[in-house]
Amino acid sequence: MNLPGVNIQLGGGGADLVDTMQLLLLFTVLTLAPSILVMCTAFTRILVVLSFLRQAMGTQNMPPNQLLIGLALFLASFVMYPTGQDIYQNSLRPYMEKQKTSIQALEGMETSLRAFMSKQTRKSDIQLFFDVTNKPYPNTIEEVPTFYLIPSFIISELKTAFQIGFLLYIPFLILDMVVASVLMAMGMMMLPPVLISMPFKILLFILVDGWQLVIGSLLKSFVV
């Protein structure tokens, strides 16, 4: 298999400084792509909720971290599909067909991601950063700078994920309390209640089809 060669030359061949800076900017964006994937998409909320679910069930490392991350990645891809399709149609495809420059393509990607993040971000979280910097709150969400919108979006995602995680904890916590009360009534105070309640948690989760309920509720929590 013959692989195509890549020749990168900075500052030569008639290229000016602007072209060089654009290339460096593109490489910077590619380097930060994993962070953008984690922080600016649905991945954060999904992974936090799945981690809460595993801790609430008390199953230690089951499912393992690799499986949770993989599931969160595919679910995030499902949620972000309309945004990704918009990015491809309005930014990547015109760029590959040389109808847009790299800067225009990046601006189009930013616009598509901003549209998604704006729907999931609470106004109170955005207001926080304007209060800290003592700047007036803008009239529309489009006037909010991106470096204000991204941390606001992350805070909103964490808050929503913790709210869902709290609701997931309640039935398992009640089951732990019931098992602990029964063991104390039987005089088995030296037996860890978690050891006895874990099989009942798994059984309860299976009987109510927990994965379908959790994943369905999680996907429906995103504002389309």
Protein backbone atom coordinates (compact mmCIF):
# COMPACT_ATOMS: atom_id res chain seq x y z
CA MET A 1 0.00 0.00 0.00
CA ASN A 2 1.46 3.33 -1.08
CA LEU A 3 0.69 6.14 1.34
CA PRO A 4 0.55 9.72 0.04
CA GLY A 5 3.43 11.91 1.10
CA VAL A 6 2.91 15.11 3.02
CA ASN A 7 5.24 18.06 2.61
CA ILE A 8 4.76 21.02 4.95
CA GLN A 9 6.79 24.15 4.34
CA LEU A 10 6.29 27.25 6.46
CA GLY A 11 7.27 30.67 5.22
CA GLY A 12 8.51 29.56 1.80
CA GLY A 13 7.26 29.05 -1.72
CA GLY A 14 5.63 32.45 -1.91
CA ALA A 15 3.34 31.88 1.12
CA ASP A 16 2.93 34.91 3.31
CA LEU A 17 2.64 35.06 7.07
CA VAL A 18 -1.18 34.98 6.97
CA ASP A 19 -1.22 31.58 5.25
CA THR A 20 1.27 30.24 7.78
CA MET A 21 -0.80 31.46 10.71
CA GLN A 22 -3.94 29.91 9.22
CA LEU A 23 -2.15 26.55 8.96
CA LEU A 24 -0.92 26.80 12.55
CA LEU A 25 -4.45 27.69 13.67
CA LEU A 26 -5.82 24.61 11.91
CA PHE A 27 -3.27 22.36 13.63
CA THR A 28 -4.17 23.94 16.97
CA VAL A 29 -7.86 23.16 16.45
CA LEU A 30 -7.01 19.55 15.55
CA THR A 31 -4.92 19.26 18.72
CA LEU A 32 -7.80 20.54 20.85
CA ALA A 33 -10.34 18.27 19.10
CA PRO A 34 -10.55 15.76 22.03
CA SER A 35 -11.27 18.59 24.47
CA ILE A 36 -13.90 20.02 22.12
CA LEU A 37 -15.47 16.56 21.85
CA VAL A 38 -15.70 16.25 25.63
CA MET A 39 -16.60 19.79 26.62
CA CYS A 40 -18.76 21.11 23.78
CA THR A 41 -20.98 18.09 23.09
CA ALA A 42 -23.45 15.85 24.92
CA PHE A 43 -20.61 13.56 26.05
CA THR A 44 -20.15 15.20 29.46
CA ARG A 45 -23.74 14.80 30.68
CA ILE A 46 -24.04 11.23 29.44
CA LEU A 47 -20.78 10.03 30.98
CA VAL A 48 -21.48 11.66 34.37
CA VAL A 49 -24.97 10.13 34.54
CA LEU A 50 -23.68 6.66 33.63
CA SER A 51 -20.98 6.98 36.31
CA PHE A 52 -23.63 7.96 38.87
CA LEU A 53 -25.70 4.94 37.86
CA ARG A 54 -22.79 2.57 38.40
CA GLN A 55 -22.02 4.03 41.82
CA ALA A 56 -25.68 3.95 42.86
CA MET A 57 -25.89 0.26 42.00
CA GLY A 58 -22.67 -0.41 43.93
CA THR A 59 -21.24 -2.66 41.23
CA GLN A 60 -17.71 -1.27 41.63
CA ASN A 61 -16.09 -1.44 38.17
CA MET A 62 -18.97 -3.08 36.33
CA PRO A 63 -19.57 -1.92 33.65
CA PRO A 64 -15.87 -1.07 33.18
CA ASN A 65 -14.71 2.43 32.35
CA GLN A 66 -13.91 1.54 28.74
CA LEU A 67 -17.46 0.32 28.18
CA LEU A 68 -19.04 3.39 29.81
CA ILE A 69 -16.86 5.76 27.78
CA GLY A 70 -17.62 3.88 24.57
CA LEU A 71 -21.37 3.89 25.27
CA ALA A 72 -21.26 7.59 26.16
CA LEU A 73 -19.36 8.29 22.94
CA PHE A 74 -21.91 6.55 20.74
CA LEU A 75 -24.86 8.11 22.57
CA ALA A 76 -23.24 11.53 22.24
CA SER A 77 -22.79 10.85 18.52
CA PHE A 78 -26.50 10.03 18.30
CA VAL A 79 -27.46 13.26 20.06
CA MET A 80 -24.99 15.35 18.06
CA TYR A 81 -25.92 13.84 14.68
CA PRO A 82 -28.08 16.81 13.55
CA THR A 83 -25.32 19.21 14.58
CA GLY A 84 -22.69 17.09 12.85
CA GLN A 85 -24.79 16.93 9.71
CA ASP A 86 -25.15 20.69 9.76
CA ILE A 87 -21.38 21.09 10.17
CA TYR A 88 -20.72 18.75 7.25
CA GLN A 89 -23.24 20.36 4.89
CA ASN A 90 -22.43 23.99 5.68
CA SER A 91 -18.74 23.88 6.62
CA LEU A 92 -16.75 20.73 5.81
CA ARG A 93 -18.25 19.94 2.43
CA PRO A 94 -17.86 23.49 1.04
CA TYR A 95 -14.30 23.55 2.44
CA MET A 96 -13.38 20.25 0.76
CA GLU A 97 -14.89 21.53 -2.49
CA LYS A 98 -12.80 24.70 -2.07
CA GLN A 99 -15.87 26.89 -1.85
CA LYS A 100 -14.84 28.18 1.59
CA THR A 101 -11.55 28.98 3.23
CA SER A 102 -10.35 27.24 6.38
CA ILE A 103 -11.27 30.27 8.51
CA GLN A 104 -14.80 30.35 7.07
CA ALA A 105 -15.17 26.61 7.70
CA LEU A 106 -14.05 27.00 11.33
CA GLU A 107 -16.49 29.87 11.80
CA GLY A 108 -19.29 27.70 10.41
CA MET A 109 -18.38 24.88 12.81
CA GLU A 110 -18.41 27.33 15.69
CA THR A 111 -21.85 28.58 14.68
CA SER A 112 -23.28 25.06 14.57
CA LEU A 113 -21.81 24.12 17.96
CA ARG A 114 -23.03 27.39 19.45
CA ALA A 115 -26.55 26.62 18.27
CA PHE A 116 -26.46 23.30 20.14
CA MET A 117 -24.85 24.69 23.29
CA SER A 118 -27.22 27.64 23.44
CA LYS A 119 -30.24 25.33 23.69
CA GLN A 120 -28.74 23.40 26.62
CA THR A 121 -27.30 26.33 28.60
CA ARG A 122 -29.20 28.07 31.38
CA LYS A 123 -29.36 31.85 31.35
CA SER A 124 -28.35 31.97 35.01
CA ASP A 125 -25.07 30.21 34.20
CA ILE A 126 -24.32 32.68 31.43
CA GLN A 127 -25.24 35.55 33.75
CA LEU A 128 -22.62 34.31 36.23
CA PHE A 129 -19.70 35.06 33.93
CA PHE A 130 -21.05 38.49 33.00
CA ASP A 131 -21.46 39.29 36.70
CA VAL A 132 -17.88 38.21 37.42
CA THR A 133 -16.50 40.43 34.66
CA ASN A 134 -18.91 43.31 35.47
CA LYS A 135 -20.20 43.45 31.92
CA PRO A 136 -23.81 44.05 30.86
CA TYR A 137 -25.81 41.01 29.90
CA PRO A 138 -26.46 40.91 26.12
CA ASN A 139 -29.93 41.10 24.67
CA THR A 140 -29.69 37.86 22.67
CA ILE A 141 -27.78 34.59 23.03
CA GLU A 142 -26.04 35.26 19.71
CA GLU A 143 -24.24 38.22 21.32
CA VAL A 144 -22.69 36.03 24.03
CA PRO A 145 -18.98 35.45 23.28
CA THR A 146 -17.95 31.84 22.72
CA PHE A 147 -15.46 31.90 25.61
CA TYR A 148 -18.41 32.82 27.86
CA LEU A 149 -20.77 30.27 26.34
CA ILE A 150 -18.50 27.22 26.63
CA PRO A 151 -17.91 27.34 30.43
CA SER A 152 -21.58 28.22 30.93
CA PHE A 153 -22.55 25.19 28.87
CA ILE A 154 -20.24 22.92 30.90
CA ILE A 155 -21.70 24.16 34.20
CA SER A 156 -25.24 23.61 32.92
CA GLU A 157 -24.36 20.10 31.75
CA LEU A 158 -22.84 19.21 35.13
CA LYS A 159 -25.84 20.59 36.98
CA THR A 160 -28.28 18.62 34.83
CA ALA A 161 -26.17 15.46 35.15
CA PHE A 162 -26.06 15.77 38.95
CA GLN A 163 -29.84 16.28 39.07
CA ILE A 164 -30.40 13.12 37.04
CA GLY A 165 -27.83 11.28 39.16
CA PHE A 166 -29.65 12.29 42.36
CA LEU A 167 -32.91 10.87 41.00
CA LEU A 168 -31.11 7.65 40.08
CA TYR A 169 -29.76 7.31 43.62
CA ILE A 170 -33.17 7.48 45.35
CA PRO A 171 -34.57 3.97 44.60
CA PHE A 172 -31.23 2.28 45.29
CA LEU A 173 -30.82 4.27 48.53
CA ILE A 174 -34.28 3.18 49.69
CA LEU A 175 -33.37 -0.44 48.98
CA ASP A 176 -30.14 -0.05 50.98
CA MET A 177 -32.09 1.37 53.93
CA VAL A 178 -34.61 -1.49 53.82
CA VAL A 179 -31.88 -4.13 53.73
CA ALA A 180 -29.96 -2.42 56.55
CA SER A 181 -33.13 -2.28 58.72
CA VAL A 182 -33.85 -5.97 58.12
CA LEU A 183 -30.29 -6.97 58.99
CA MET A 184 -30.37 -4.92 62.20
CA ALA A 185 -33.71 -6.48 63.15
CA MET A 186 -32.19 -9.94 62.64
CA GLY A 187 -29.14 -9.01 64.73
CA MET A 188 -26.73 -9.27 61.80
CA MET A 189 -25.02 -5.96 62.44
CA MET A 190 -21.60 -7.22 61.38
CA LEU A 191 -22.81 -8.13 57.88
CA PRO A 192 -22.33 -5.25 55.38
CA PRO A 193 -25.75 -4.20 54.02
CA VAL A 194 -24.22 -3.29 50.64
CA LEU A 195 -23.13 -6.90 50.15
CA ILE A 196 -26.72 -8.12 50.52
CA SER A 197 -28.48 -5.26 48.72
CA MET A 198 -26.37 -5.34 45.55
CA PRO A 199 -28.01 -8.48 44.05
CA PHE A 200 -31.44 -6.99 44.79
CA LYS A 201 -30.38 -3.74 43.10
CA ILE A 202 -29.33 -5.63 39.99
CA LEU A 203 -32.57 -7.64 40.03
CA LEU A 204 -34.64 -4.45 40.41
CA PHE A 205 -32.74 -2.81 37.59
CA ILE A 206 -33.38 -5.80 35.32
CA LEU A 207 -37.09 -6.07 36.18
CA VAL A 208 -37.82 -2.42 35.33
CA ASP A 209 -35.65 -2.59 32.17
CA GLY A 210 -33.34 0.00 33.69
CA TRP A 211 -31.02 0.53 30.74
CA GLN A 212 -33.89 1.45 28.46
CA LEU A 213 -35.38 3.80 31.04
CA VAL A 214 -32.09 5.51 31.87
CA ILE A 215 -30.86 5.86 28.29
CA GLY A 216 -34.28 6.96 27.04
CA SER A 217 -34.69 9.58 29.77
CA LEU A 218 -31.12 10.75 29.23
CA LEU A 219 -31.58 11.25 25.50
CA LYS A 220 -34.91 13.02 26.00
CA SER A 221 -33.27 15.44 28.45
CA PHE A 222 -31.50 17.20 25.59
CA VAL A 223 -33.37 20.13 24.10
CA VAL A 224 -33.70 19.70 20.34
